[in-house]
Each structure stands twice: as C-alpha cells, then as structure tokens.
C-alpha atoms as a PDB file:
ATOM      1  CA  MET A   1      -0.024  -0.075  -0.004  1.00  0.00           C
ATOM      2  CA  SER A   2       1.286   3.503  -0.548  1.00  0.00           C
ATOM      3  CA  SER A   3       1.271   5.983   1.977  1.00  0.00           C
ATOM      4  CA  THR A   4      -1.883   7.869   2.571  1.00  0.00           C
ATOM      5  CA  PRO A   5      -2.501  11.524   3.755  1.00  0.00           C
ATOM      6  CA  GLN A   6      -4.391  11.782   7.022  1.00  0.00           C
ATOM      7  CA  SER A   7      -7.914  12.970   5.307  1.00  0.00           C
ATOM      8  CA  HIS A   8      -7.939   9.770   3.467  1.00  0.00           C
ATOM      9  CA  ARG A   9      -9.871   6.709   4.775  1.00  0.00           C
ATOM     10  CA  PRO A  10      -8.392   3.637   2.794  1.00  0.00           C
ATOM     11  CA  TYR A  11     -10.486   1.192   0.815  1.00  0.00           C
ATOM     12  CA  ARG A  12     -10.712  -2.474   1.613  1.00  0.00           C
ATOM     13  CA  LEU A  13     -11.827  -5.485  -0.232  1.00  0.00           C
ATOM     14  CA  LYS A  14     -15.225  -6.024   0.391  1.00  0.00           C
ATOM     15  CA  LYS A  15     -16.400  -9.139  -1.978  1.00  0.00           C
ATOM     16  CA  ILE A  16     -14.601 -11.081  -5.066  1.00  0.00           C
ATOM     17  CA  LEU A  17     -17.783 -12.135  -7.219  1.00  0.00           C
ATOM     18  CA  THR A  18     -16.746 -14.580  -9.610  1.00  0.00           C
ATOM     19  CA  ASN A  19     -19.789 -15.320 -11.959  1.00  0.00           C
ATOM     20  CA  HIS A  20     -17.838 -14.875 -15.302  1.00  0.00           C
ATOM     21  CA  THR A  21     -16.096 -17.260 -16.867  1.00  0.00           C
ATOM     22  CA  ARG A  22     -13.874 -15.111 -19.032  1.00  0.00           C
ATOM     23  CA  ALA A  23     -12.298 -11.645 -19.057  1.00  0.00           C
ATOM     24  CA  VAL A  24     -14.476  -8.907 -17.217  1.00  0.00           C
ATOM     25  CA  SER A  25     -14.250  -6.254 -19.660  1.00  0.00           C
ATOM     26  CA  CYS A  26     -16.662  -3.362 -18.150  1.00  0.00           C
ATOM     27  CA  VAL A  27     -18.238  -2.515 -14.784  1.00  0.00           C
ATOM     28  CA  LYS A  28     -20.573   0.093 -14.406  1.00  0.00           C
ATOM     29  CA  VAL A  29     -22.576   1.440 -11.455  1.00  0.00           C
ATOM     30  CA  SER A  30     -26.263   2.642 -11.962  1.00  0.00           C
ATOM     31  CA  ASN A  31     -27.031   6.339 -11.632  1.00  0.00           C
ATOM     32  CA  ASN A  32     -29.381   5.678  -8.715  1.00  0.00           C
ATOM     33  CA  GLY A  33     -26.709   3.661  -6.901  1.00  0.00           C
ATOM     34  CA  LEU A  34     -28.896   0.665  -6.755  1.00  0.00           C
ATOM     35  CA  PHE A  35     -27.399  -1.849  -9.001  1.00  0.00           C
ATOM     36  CA  PHE A  36     -23.906  -2.323 -10.591  1.00  0.00           C
ATOM     37  CA  ALA A  37     -23.399  -4.383 -14.038  1.00  0.00           C
ATOM     38  CA  SER A  38     -20.468  -6.485 -15.598  1.00  0.00           C
ATOM     39  CA  GLY A  39     -19.851  -7.299 -19.086  1.00  0.00           C
ATOM     40  CA  SER A  40     -17.689 -10.008 -20.282  1.00  0.00           C
ATOM     41  CA  LEU A  41     -15.796 -11.609 -22.955  1.00  0.00           C
ATOM     42  CA  ASP A  42     -17.938 -14.646 -21.993  1.00  0.00           C
ATOM     43  CA  LYS A  43     -21.015 -12.936 -24.083  1.00  0.00           C
ATOM     44  CA  THR A  44     -23.000 -12.231 -20.957  1.00  0.00           C
ATOM     45  CA  LEU A  45     -24.114  -9.263 -18.873  1.00  0.00           C
ATOM     46  CA  ILE A  46     -24.889  -9.432 -14.953  1.00  0.00           C
ATOM     47  CA  VAL A  47     -26.347  -7.005 -13.065  1.00  0.00           C
ATOM     48  CA  TYR A  48     -26.055  -7.136  -9.009  1.00  0.00           C
ATOM     49  CA  SER A  49     -27.535  -5.326  -6.277  1.00  0.00           C
ATOM     50  CA  THR A  50     -24.853  -2.920  -4.521  1.00  0.00           C
ATOM     51  CA  GLU A  51     -26.926  -3.624  -1.213  1.00  0.00           C
ATOM     52  CA  THR A  52     -26.771  -7.533  -1.183  1.00  0.00           C
ATOM     53  CA  LEU A  53     -23.783  -7.378  -3.720  1.00  0.00           C
ATOM     54  CA  SER A  54     -25.224 -10.640  -5.206  1.00  0.00           C
ATOM     55  CA  PRO A  55     -26.509 -11.191  -8.962  1.00  0.00           C
ATOM     56  CA  ILE A  56     -30.334 -10.054  -9.734  1.00  0.00           C
ATOM     57  CA  SER A  57     -30.202 -10.891 -13.600  1.00  0.00           C
ATOM     58  CA  PHE A  58     -28.101 -12.612 -16.003  1.00  0.00           C
ATOM     59  CA  LEU A  59     -28.429 -11.099 -19.508  1.00  0.00           C
ATOM     60  CA  THR A  60     -27.716 -13.432 -22.441  1.00  0.00           C
ATOM     61  CA  GLY A  61     -27.985 -13.047 -26.342  1.00  0.00           C
ATOM     62  CA  HIS A  62     -24.573 -11.646 -27.739  1.00  0.00           C
ATOM     63  CA  SER A  63     -22.951 -14.399 -29.954  1.00  0.00           C
ATOM     64  CA  GLU A  64     -19.475 -12.928 -29.179  1.00  0.00           C
ATOM     65  CA  GLY A  65     -17.538 -11.091 -25.991  1.00  0.00           C
ATOM     66  CA  VAL A  66     -18.976  -7.799 -24.583  1.00  0.00           C
ATOM     67  CA  SER A  67     -16.491  -4.870 -24.470  1.00  0.00           C
ATOM     68  CA  ASP A  68     -18.631  -2.093 -22.856  1.00  0.00           C
ATOM     69  CA  ILE A  69     -21.847  -1.386 -21.231  1.00  0.00           C
ATOM     70  CA  ALA A  70     -24.092   1.914 -20.208  1.00  0.00           C
ATOM     71  CA  TRP A  71     -26.828   2.663 -17.836  1.00  0.00           C
ATOM     72  CA  SER A  72     -29.732   4.604 -18.925  1.00  0.00           C
ATOM     73  CA  SER A  73     -30.167   7.679 -16.567  1.00  0.00           C
ATOM     74  CA  ASP A  74     -32.950   6.170 -14.940  1.00  0.00           C
ATOM     75  CA  SER A  75     -31.308   2.929 -14.138  1.00  0.00           C
ATOM     76  CA  SER A  76     -33.595   0.789 -15.747  1.00  0.00           C
ATOM     77  CA  TYR A  77     -31.789  -0.235 -18.920  1.00  0.00           C
ATOM     78  CA  LEU A  78     -28.556  -1.198 -19.769  1.00  0.00           C
ATOM     79  CA  CYS A  79     -26.912  -0.705 -23.618  1.00  0.00           C
ATOM     80  CA  SER A  80     -24.137  -3.552 -24.268  1.00  0.00           C
ATOM     81  CA  ALA A  81     -21.408  -2.990 -27.084  1.00  0.00           C
ATOM     82  CA  SER A  82     -20.250  -6.423 -28.412  1.00  0.00           C
ATOM     83  CA  ASP A  83     -17.707  -8.065 -30.844  1.00  0.00           C
ATOM     84  CA  ASP A  84     -20.921  -9.556 -32.746  1.00  0.00           C
ATOM     85  CA  ARG A  85     -21.185  -5.935 -34.358  1.00  0.00           C
ATOM     86  CA  THR A  86     -24.408  -4.904 -32.347  1.00  0.00           C
ATOM     87  CA  LEU A  87     -25.501  -3.040 -29.465  1.00  0.00           C
ATOM     88  CA  ARG A  88     -28.331  -4.503 -27.451  1.00  0.00           C
ATOM     89  CA  ILE A  89     -31.022  -2.782 -24.940  1.00  0.00           C
ATOM     90  CA  TRP A  90     -31.757  -4.627 -22.170  1.00  0.00           C
ATOM     91  CA  ASN A  91     -34.460  -4.198 -19.350  1.00  0.00           C
ATOM     92  CA  ALA A  92     -31.802  -4.549 -16.237  1.00  0.00           C
ATOM     93  CA  ARG A  93     -33.968  -6.307 -13.868  1.00  0.00           C
ATOM     94  CA  SER A  94     -35.990  -8.514 -15.951  1.00  0.00           C
ATOM     95  CA  GLY A  95     -32.865  -9.230 -18.252  1.00  0.00           C
ATOM     96  CA  GLU A  96     -35.015  -9.230 -21.082  1.00  0.00           C
ATOM     97  CA  CYS A  97     -33.231  -7.706 -24.439  1.00  0.00           C
ATOM     98  CA  VAL A  98     -35.473  -4.943 -25.801  1.00  0.00           C
ATOM     99  CA  LYS A  99     -33.697  -4.148 -29.055  1.00  0.00           C
ATOM    100  CA  THR A 100     -30.989  -4.990 -31.083  1.00  0.00           C
ATOM    101  CA  MET A 101     -28.966  -2.110 -32.890  1.00  0.00           C
ATOM    102  CA  LYS A 102     -27.333  -3.266 -36.112  1.00  0.00           C
ATOM    103  CA  GLY A 103     -24.728  -1.089 -38.720  1.00  0.00           C
ATOM    104  CA  HIS A 104     -21.240  -0.989 -37.375  1.00  0.00           C
ATOM    105  CA  THR A 105     -18.998  -3.381 -39.731  1.00  0.00           C
ATOM    106  CA  GLY A 106     -16.806  -4.047 -36.949  1.00  0.00           C
ATOM    107  CA  PHE A 107     -16.656  -4.785 -33.171  1.00  0.00           C
ATOM    108  CA  VAL A 108     -18.468  -2.445 -31.254  1.00  0.00           C
ATOM    109  CA  PHE A 109     -15.960  -1.170 -28.629  1.00  0.00           C
ATOM    110  CA  CYS A 110     -17.829   1.389 -26.462  1.00  0.00           C
ATOM    111  CA  VAL A 111     -20.880   2.800 -25.842  1.00  0.00           C
ATOM    112  CA  ASN A 112     -22.823   5.522 -23.773  1.00  0.00           C
ATOM    113  CA  PHE A 113     -26.249   6.775 -23.334  1.00  0.00           C
ATOM    114  CA  ASN A 114     -26.898  11.033 -23.626  1.00  0.00           C
ATOM    115  CA  PRO A 115     -28.376  12.318 -20.514  1.00  0.00           C
ATOM    116  CA  GLN A 116     -31.953  12.470 -21.364  1.00  0.00           C
ATOM    117  CA  SER A 117     -31.427   8.917 -22.630  1.00  0.00           C
ATOM    118  CA  SER A 118     -32.891   9.470 -26.015  1.00  0.00           C
ATOM    119  CA  LEU A 119     -29.708   8.769 -27.640  1.00  0.00           C
ATOM    120  CA  ILE A 120     -27.004   6.109 -27.585  1.00  0.00           C
ATOM    121  CA  ALA A 121     -23.685   6.535 -29.037  1.00  0.00           C
ATOM    122  CA  SER A 122     -21.175   3.983 -30.050  1.00  0.00           C
ATOM    123  CA  GLY A 123     -17.622   3.689 -31.242  1.00  0.00           C
ATOM    124  CA  SER A 124     -16.327   0.481 -33.430  1.00  0.00           C
ATOM    125  CA  PHE A 125     -13.340  -0.740 -34.883  1.00  0.00           C
ATOM    126  CA  ASP A 126     -14.838   0.128 -38.373  1.00  0.00           C
ATOM    127  CA  GLU A 127     -13.642   3.589 -37.192  1.00  0.00           C
ATOM    128  CA  THR A 128     -17.123   5.399 -36.626  1.00  0.00           C
ATOM    129  CA  ILE A 129     -19.325   6.633 -34.130  1.00  0.00           C
ATOM    130  CA  ARG A 130     -22.870   5.772 -34.540  1.00  0.00           C
ATOM    131  CA  VAL A 131     -25.397   7.688 -32.847  1.00  0.00           C
ATOM    132  CA  TRP A 132     -28.867   5.662 -32.505  1.00  0.00           C
ATOM    133  CA  ASP A 133     -32.235   7.046 -31.675  1.00  0.00           C
ATOM    134  CA  VAL A 134     -33.338   4.901 -28.575  1.00  0.00           C
ATOM    135  CA  LYS A 135     -37.122   4.717 -29.617  1.00  0.00           C
ATOM    136  CA  THR A 136     -36.639   3.567 -33.157  1.00  0.00           C
ATOM    137  CA  GLY A 137     -33.304   1.693 -32.549  1.00  0.00           C
ATOM    138  CA  LYS A 138     -32.117   3.228 -35.748  1.00  0.00           C
ATOM    139  CA  PRO A 139     -29.152   5.606 -36.501  1.00  0.00           C
ATOM    140  CA  VAL A 140     -29.239   9.189 -36.426  1.00  0.00           C
ATOM    141  CA  HIS A 141     -25.619   9.782 -37.521  1.00  0.00           C
ATOM    142  CA  VAL A 142     -22.790   7.848 -38.987  1.00  0.00           C
ATOM    143  CA  ILE A 143     -19.749   9.750 -38.401  1.00  0.00           C
ATOM    144  CA  ARG A 144     -16.521   8.619 -40.202  1.00  0.00           C
ATOM    145  CA  ALA A 145     -14.707   9.625 -36.735  1.00  0.00           C
ATOM    146  CA  HIS A 146     -11.162   8.288 -36.821  1.00  0.00           C
ATOM    147  CA  SER A 147      -8.652   6.293 -39.040  1.00  0.00           C
ATOM    148  CA  MET A 148      -8.162   3.587 -36.420  1.00  0.00           C
ATOM    149  CA  PRO A 149     -10.674   1.775 -33.756  1.00  0.00           C
ATOM    150  CA  VAL A 150     -12.732   4.177 -31.666  1.00  0.00           C
ATOM    151  CA  THR A 151     -12.024   3.590 -28.121  1.00  0.00           C
ATOM    152  CA  SER A 152     -14.121   5.678 -26.236  1.00  0.00           C
ATOM    153  CA  VAL A 153     -17.573   7.939 -26.831  1.00  0.00           C
ATOM    154  CA  HIS A 154     -19.265   9.982 -23.891  1.00  0.00           C
ATOM    155  CA  PHE A 155     -21.887  12.639 -23.514  1.00  0.00           C
ATOM    156  CA  ASN A 156     -21.063  15.746 -21.839  1.00  0.00           C
ATOM    157  CA  ARG A 157     -23.404  17.042 -18.966  1.00  0.00           C
ATOM    158  CA  ASP A 158     -26.054  18.578 -21.169  1.00  0.00           C
ATOM    159  CA  GLY A 159     -26.162  16.037 -24.050  1.00  0.00           C
ATOM    160  CA  SER A 160     -24.911  18.500 -26.642  1.00  0.00           C
ATOM    161  CA  LEU A 161     -21.321  17.092 -27.208  1.00  0.00           C
ATOM    162  CA  ILE A 162     -19.655  13.904 -27.665  1.00  0.00           C
ATOM    163  CA  VAL A 163     -16.049  13.381 -27.160  1.00  0.00           C
ATOM    164  CA  SER A 164     -14.099  10.247 -28.916  1.00  0.00           C
ATOM    165  CA  GLY A 165     -10.639   8.734 -28.585  1.00  0.00           C
ATOM    166  CA  SER A 166      -8.988   6.471 -30.688  1.00  0.00           C
ATOM    167  CA  HIS A 167      -6.198   4.400 -31.307  1.00  0.00           C
ATOM    168  CA  ASP A 168      -5.061   6.935 -34.142  1.00  0.00           C
ATOM    169  CA  GLY A 169      -3.775   9.126 -31.418  1.00  0.00           C
ATOM    170  CA  SER A 170      -6.628  11.931 -31.520  1.00  0.00           C
ATOM    171  CA  CYS A 171      -9.424  12.922 -29.192  1.00  0.00           C
ATOM    172  CA  LYS A 172     -11.899  14.753 -30.765  1.00  0.00           C
ATOM    173  CA  ILE A 173     -15.473  17.047 -30.008  1.00  0.00           C
ATOM    174  CA  TRP A 174     -18.454  16.401 -31.916  1.00  0.00           C
ATOM    175  CA  ASP A 175     -21.695  18.055 -32.107  1.00  0.00           C
ATOM    176  CA  THR A 176     -24.671  15.871 -31.422  1.00  0.00           C
ATOM    177  CA  ALA A 177     -27.535  17.466 -32.778  1.00  0.00           C
ATOM    178  CA  THR A 178     -25.464  17.429 -36.204  1.00  0.00           C
ATOM    179  CA  GLY A 179     -22.639  15.066 -36.062  1.00  0.00           C
ATOM    180  CA  SER A 180     -20.325  17.666 -36.952  1.00  0.00           C
ATOM    181  CA  LEU A 181     -16.505  17.736 -35.849  1.00  0.00           C
ATOM    182  CA  LEU A 182     -16.537  21.058 -33.259  1.00  0.00           C
ATOM    183  CA  LYS A 183     -12.810  20.447 -32.060  1.00  0.00           C
ATOM    184  CA  THR A 184      -9.687  18.051 -31.829  1.00  0.00           C
ATOM    185  CA  LEU A 185      -8.568  18.425 -28.848  1.00  0.00           C
ATOM    186  CA  ILE A 186      -5.311  16.100 -29.447  1.00  0.00           C
ATOM    187  CA  ASP A 187      -3.984  15.345 -32.772  1.00  0.00           C
ATOM    188  CA  ASP A 188      -0.882  13.095 -32.237  1.00  0.00           C
ATOM    189  CA  LYS A 189      -0.367  10.187 -34.179  1.00  0.00           C
ATOM    190  CA  LEU A 190       1.298   8.472 -30.775  1.00  0.00           C
ATOM    191  CA  PRO A 191       0.698   7.493 -28.170  1.00  0.00           C
ATOM    192  CA  ALA A 192      -3.074   5.912 -28.749  1.00  0.00           C
ATOM    193  CA  VAL A 193      -5.856   7.449 -26.846  1.00  0.00           C
ATOM    194  CA  SER A 194      -7.433   4.677 -25.234  1.00  0.00           C
ATOM    195  CA  PHE A 195     -10.171   6.385 -23.301  1.00  0.00           C
ATOM    196  CA  ALA A 196     -11.993  10.048 -22.945  1.00  0.00           C
ATOM    197  CA  LYS A 197     -14.586  11.146 -20.874  1.00  0.00           C
ATOM    198  CA  PHE A 198     -16.100  14.293 -19.682  1.00  0.00           C
ATOM    199  CA  SER A 199     -15.829  15.361 -15.839  1.00  0.00           C
ATOM    200  CA  PRO A 200     -19.276  15.309 -14.008  1.00  0.00           C
ATOM    201  CA  ASN A 201     -19.574  19.287 -14.502  1.00  0.00           C
ATOM    202  CA  GLY A 202     -18.548  18.872 -17.860  1.00  0.00           C
ATOM    203  CA  LYS A 203     -15.756  21.570 -18.150  1.00  0.00           C
ATOM    204  CA  PHE A 204     -12.966  18.841 -18.127  1.00  0.00           C
ATOM    205  CA  ILE A 205     -12.031  15.845 -20.003  1.00  0.00           C
ATOM    206  CA  LEU A 206     -10.039  12.677 -18.785  1.00  0.00           C
ATOM    207  CA  VAL A 207      -7.920  11.476 -21.374  1.00  0.00           C
ATOM    208  CA  ALA A 208      -5.992   8.297 -21.123  1.00  0.00           C
ATOM    209  CA  THR A 209      -3.208   7.453 -23.428  1.00  0.00           C
ATOM    210  CA  LEU A 210      -1.292   4.380 -23.749  1.00  0.00           C
ATOM    211  CA  ASP A 211       1.925   5.426 -22.371  1.00  0.00           C
ATOM    212  CA  ASP A 212       0.852   5.160 -18.755  1.00  0.00           C
ATOM    213  CA  THR A 213      -0.473   8.653 -18.368  1.00  0.00           C
ATOM    214  CA  LEU A 214      -3.706  10.221 -17.671  1.00  0.00           C
ATOM    215  CA  LYS A 215      -4.405  14.117 -18.172  1.00  0.00           C
ATOM    216  CA  LEU A 216      -7.272  16.224 -17.235  1.00  0.00           C
ATOM    217  CA  TRP A 217      -8.066  18.747 -20.234  1.00  0.00           C
ATOM    218  CA  ASN A 218      -9.792  21.738 -20.120  1.00  0.00           C
ATOM    219  CA  TYR A 219     -12.297  21.699 -22.905  1.00  0.00           C
ATOM    220  CA  SER A 220     -12.704  25.445 -23.553  1.00  0.00           C
ATOM    221  CA  THR A 221      -8.894  26.417 -23.785  1.00  0.00           C
ATOM    222  CA  GLY A 222      -7.661  23.002 -24.802  1.00  0.00           C
ATOM    223  CA  LYS A 223      -5.013  22.728 -22.506  1.00  0.00           C
ATOM    224  CA  PHE A 224      -4.453  20.001 -20.074  1.00  0.00           C
ATOM    225  CA  LEU A 225      -4.255  21.090 -16.485  1.00  0.00           C
ATOM    226  CA  LYS A 226      -3.117  18.023 -14.432  1.00  0.00           C
ATOM    227  CA  VAL A 227      -1.290  14.607 -15.061  1.00  0.00           C
ATOM    228  CA  TYR A 228      -1.703  11.298 -13.201  1.00  0.00           C
ATOM    229  CA  THR A 229       1.012   9.036 -13.398  1.00  0.00           C
ATOM    230  CA  GLY A 230       2.325   5.736 -11.652  1.00  0.00           C
ATOM    231  CA  HIS A 231       0.047   3.237 -13.100  1.00  0.00           C
ATOM    232  CA  LYS A 232       1.142   0.797 -15.753  1.00  0.00           C
ATOM    233  CA  ASN A 233      -0.889   1.268 -19.373  1.00  0.00           C
ATOM    234  CA  LYS A 234       0.556   0.513 -22.675  1.00  0.00           C
ATOM    235  CA  VAL A 235      -1.477  -2.084 -24.003  1.00  0.00           C
ATOM    236  CA  TYR A 236      -5.136  -2.314 -23.017  1.00  0.00           C
ATOM    237  CA  CYS A 237      -8.122   0.108 -23.053  1.00  0.00           C
ATOM    238  CA  ILE A 238      -8.435   0.855 -19.191  1.00  0.00           C
ATOM    239  CA  THR A 239     -11.346   3.236 -18.315  1.00  0.00           C
ATOM    240  CA  PRO A 240     -10.451   5.253 -15.693  1.00  0.00           C
ATOM    241  CA  THR A 241     -13.299   7.637 -13.762  1.00  0.00           C
ATOM    242  CA  PHE A 242     -14.181  10.061 -11.385  1.00  0.00           C
ATOM    243  CA  SER A 243     -14.821   9.423  -7.668  1.00  0.00           C
ATOM    244  CA  ILE A 244     -17.169  12.243  -6.288  1.00  0.00           C
ATOM    245  CA  SER A 245     -18.976  10.536  -3.617  1.00  0.00           C
ATOM    246  CA  GLY A 246     -16.359  11.885  -0.820  1.00  0.00           C
ATOM    247  CA  GLU A 247     -12.820  13.540  -1.456  1.00  0.00           C
ATOM    248  CA  LYS A 248     -12.447  14.078  -5.329  1.00  0.00           C
ATOM    249  CA  TYR A 249     -10.260  11.202  -6.903  1.00  0.00           C
ATOM    250  CA  ILE A 250      -9.397   9.919 -10.062  1.00  0.00           C
ATOM    251  CA  VAL A 251      -9.658   6.220 -10.037  1.00  0.00           C
ATOM    252  CA  SER A 252      -8.133   3.920 -12.637  1.00  0.00           C
ATOM    253  CA  GLY A 253      -7.175   0.005 -13.200  1.00  0.00           C
ATOM    254  CA  SER A 254      -3.584  -0.819 -14.317  1.00  0.00           C
ATOM    255  CA  GLU A 255      -1.800  -3.741 -15.991  1.00  0.00           C
ATOM    256  CA  ASP A 256       0.356  -4.379 -12.687  1.00  0.00           C
ATOM    257  CA  HIS A 257      -3.024  -5.596 -11.413  1.00  0.00           C
ATOM    258  CA  CYS A 258      -3.930  -2.815  -8.891  1.00  0.00           C
ATOM    259  CA  VAL A 259      -6.612  -0.235  -8.979  1.00  0.00           C
ATOM    260  CA  TYR A 260      -4.783   3.511  -8.311  1.00  0.00           C
ATOM    261  CA  LEU A 261      -6.658   6.502  -6.436  1.00  0.00           C
ATOM    262  CA  TRP A 262      -5.263  10.179  -7.333  1.00  0.00           C
ATOM    263  CA  ASP A 263      -6.495  13.229  -5.359  1.00  0.00           C
ATOM    264  CA  LEU A 264      -7.888  14.629  -8.420  1.00  0.00           C
ATOM    265  CA  GLN A 265      -6.676  18.247  -7.174  1.00  0.00           C
ATOM    266  CA  GLY A 266      -3.208  17.206  -5.845  1.00  0.00           C
ATOM    267  CA  LYS A 267      -2.410  14.739  -8.548  1.00  0.00           C
ATOM    268  CA  HIS A 268      -0.505  12.653  -6.148  1.00  0.00           C
ATOM    269  CA  LEU A 269      -1.645   8.703  -5.392  1.00  0.00           C
ATOM    270  CA  VAL A 270      -3.409   8.280  -2.530  1.00  0.00           C
ATOM    271  CA  GLN A 271      -3.894   4.756  -2.638  1.00  0.00           C
ATOM    272  CA  LYS A 272      -3.138   1.390  -4.365  1.00  0.00           C
ATOM    273  CA  LEU A 273      -5.645  -1.279  -4.063  1.00  0.00           C
ATOM    274  CA  GLU A 274      -3.855  -4.574  -4.655  1.00  0.00           C
ATOM    275  CA  GLY A 275      -5.724  -8.197  -4.811  1.00  0.00           C
ATOM    276  CA  HIS A 276      -6.586  -8.624  -8.850  1.00  0.00           C
ATOM    277  CA  THR A 277      -4.225 -11.312 -10.288  1.00  0.00           C
ATOM    278  CA  ASP A 278      -4.504  -9.907 -13.842  1.00  0.00           C
ATOM    279  CA  THR A 279      -4.951  -6.701 -15.619  1.00  0.00           C
ATOM    280  CA  VAL A 280      -7.438  -4.368 -14.014  1.00  0.00           C
ATOM    281  CA  ILE A 281      -9.621  -3.279 -17.063  1.00  0.00           C
ATOM    282  CA  SER A 282     -12.495  -1.238 -15.536  1.00  0.00           C
ATOM    283  CA  THR A 283     -13.369   0.483 -12.420  1.00  0.00           C
ATOM    284  CA  SER A 284     -16.638   2.191 -11.275  1.00  0.00           C
ATOM    285  CA  CYS A 285     -17.443   4.252  -8.677  1.00  0.00           C
ATOM    286  CA  HIS A 286     -20.795   4.723  -6.591  1.00  0.00           C
ATOM    287  CA  PRO A 287     -22.290   7.894  -6.809  1.00  0.00           C
ATOM    288  CA  THR A 288     -22.831   8.198  -3.142  1.00  0.00           C
ATOM    289  CA  GLN A 289     -21.334   5.640  -1.111  1.00  0.00           C
ATOM    290  CA  ASN A 290     -17.841   5.356  -1.125  1.00  0.00           C
ATOM    291  CA  MET A 291     -17.838   2.168  -2.995  1.00  0.00           C
ATOM    292  CA  ILE A 292     -15.452   0.723  -6.045  1.00  0.00           C
ATOM    293  CA  ILE A 293     -15.950  -1.919  -8.304  1.00  0.00           C
ATOM    294  CA  SER A 294     -12.996  -3.327 -10.107  1.00  0.00           C
ATOM    295  CA  ALA A 295     -12.941  -5.747 -13.172  1.00  0.00           C
ATOM    296  CA  GLY A 296     -10.093  -8.080 -14.317  1.00  0.00           C
ATOM    297  CA  LEU A 297      -8.952  -9.765 -17.439  1.00  0.00           C
ATOM    298  CA  ASP A 298      -8.636 -13.426 -18.317  1.00  0.00           C
ATOM    299  CA  ASN A 299      -6.332 -14.867 -15.902  1.00  0.00           C
ATOM    300  CA  ASP A 300      -8.389 -12.880 -13.128  1.00  0.00           C
ATOM    301  CA  PRO A 301     -12.198 -12.816 -14.658  1.00  0.00           C
ATOM    302  CA  THR A 302     -13.632 -11.638 -11.054  1.00  0.00           C
ATOM    303  CA  VAL A 303     -15.639  -8.165 -10.213  1.00  0.00           C
ATOM    304  CA  ARG A 304     -14.045  -6.882  -6.679  1.00  0.00           C
ATOM    305  CA  VAL A 305     -16.164  -4.774  -4.521  1.00  0.00           C
ATOM    306  CA  TRP A 306     -13.468  -2.113  -2.537  1.00  0.00           C
ATOM    307  CA  VAL A 307     -15.506   0.180   0.373  1.00  0.00           C
ATOM    308  CA  GLN A 308     -14.257   2.720   2.782  1.00  0.00           C
ATOM    309  CA  ASP A 309     -14.819   1.847   6.496  1.00  0.00           C
END
C-alpha cells in the first residue's frame, strides 16, 4: 500500500464475485446507485445489487464477447456493445433484450447514453461513431470519426457534445445534433488515446493514453491542467473514472493488477488497491457511497467490490 494522507480513509476489499468465465471487460454502477453491472468476453452481462452484492439478472443473447456497457439515466436499462457488431438494449431487472441495433461493420467497442437517454453513441473498430435513436433503434448519425478503432465515446452533462478517443492518437469533440466535428483536442499519431470522458461538471475531459498517463484537459481552452501517473498502461483500453462521493479522486485500473486512486486536485497517489491477479481493465464508483467496483482480465475474471470503513 502507498502511504496515505491523513484525510484519506483507505478502501478495503469487501467482496470478490466470480460469476463470469472469461475476462470482465467492463463494470458500471447505475446512476441511482442501487445496481452495478458487468460485461464479459463470455458474452454475458450480469446485474447485481449494490446492497446485497448478489446477482439480480443474467443477460444473455450476444454471440460474441461484450466490450462495454452503459446505464440509462433512470437506471432501468442497460446498453451493451459487442464483438458481434451489435448493440443491445436490455431491461436491467428482468434481463429481457428489448432492442438490437445493427449497422457497425466491426467490433463495437464503446457505448454511452446521453443524459436524456434518448440517444446512444457507440464507437467501433470500423472507425465510425454511430448515434442511435433509442426509441426506434435506428441510426441518427454515422460519423466517419477516426482512422483507427474508436476506443471511447461519452456525452457531456447536457448531451450537446460527444467526446471520442481512438487508437489513431486523436481526441475529438462532436456536435450531437449535427454529427459535425467541433474541436480536435489532441491530434498526435502516438500515443494511442485509449479512453476519454467528460468530468461530471462538463468542463474537463479525462484522457488516458497508452504511455502510462492520464491527463485532465480543459475543454474550452484545449490545454491540459493535470497529469496522473504511476500506473501501468501500454496495451489495454483501461477505463478510468471520477470518484465524487466523498473526497474527489481519479480512479483507474492498471496493467500491474492494481487499482490506483489519485487526489484529483493534488495529483498525488492516495492509495493503490492490491488483490487482482491480472490487468484491471475497468473501474466504476458509486455516486453517493464510497464504493469502487473493479474488473479483471482472463487470468482473473472477477469483479471486486472495495469500500471505505
């Protein structure tokens, strides 16, 4: 464990969930905090209760692995992105698939709802971003966004903007209404941009690159403000996140099998959570409780729940 500042109450492991048989690619806590879900290369999604930490529903139907999942704003629905080139919308509690969205010509790698949950954005190995109408399941925009696989898509707080990242080394901002490019935040060939998302207040963008680096960018000025390092990330698209339930942290998995917590403002490492035995690909934080969910790859296909005492 790293040394922790006095104000930081350390997180500890509460439970290990072993329901998946292959790498767990993604974990996400629902917006209302009552549930979390995991998606796996075993082609399934599982919804759990954050109270009991037990499975509520098992979502089956994809014919290939699941790379990403997203919750609707009201925490009723999940959308999954799969290597079978489709997205599926599920009733989270019943486990019923209510829609299948087809159109991508490569693996679908990332997905998010807009805050109104009227639209879904997806990114694919086919190098496009597709924006879908949730009611009809039909595409609103097909954006030829990047020159390599799209690694992340995320809406800002009012849903007017989409940020995308790609293996092509760029991070771009798109107008949701028109699908047009508004700004290129990063335009390097290397390193690959493995992840990008807006901060909860919409003013900043957290960007991960495959050179062991996280940066917090100011969207309006196009400059980066803070750098977070110490973790290992050169190969996988690890999805970091913001923890805003108590102290403000940046949380990320790592290829050294740990979960890293940095002080958002001070940038220093606050804690390193040890226990996973493979790369931690995904982390998600509870909106109001000090709880972190983490997911491991094939040699450790577990979901782990960490809490503060």
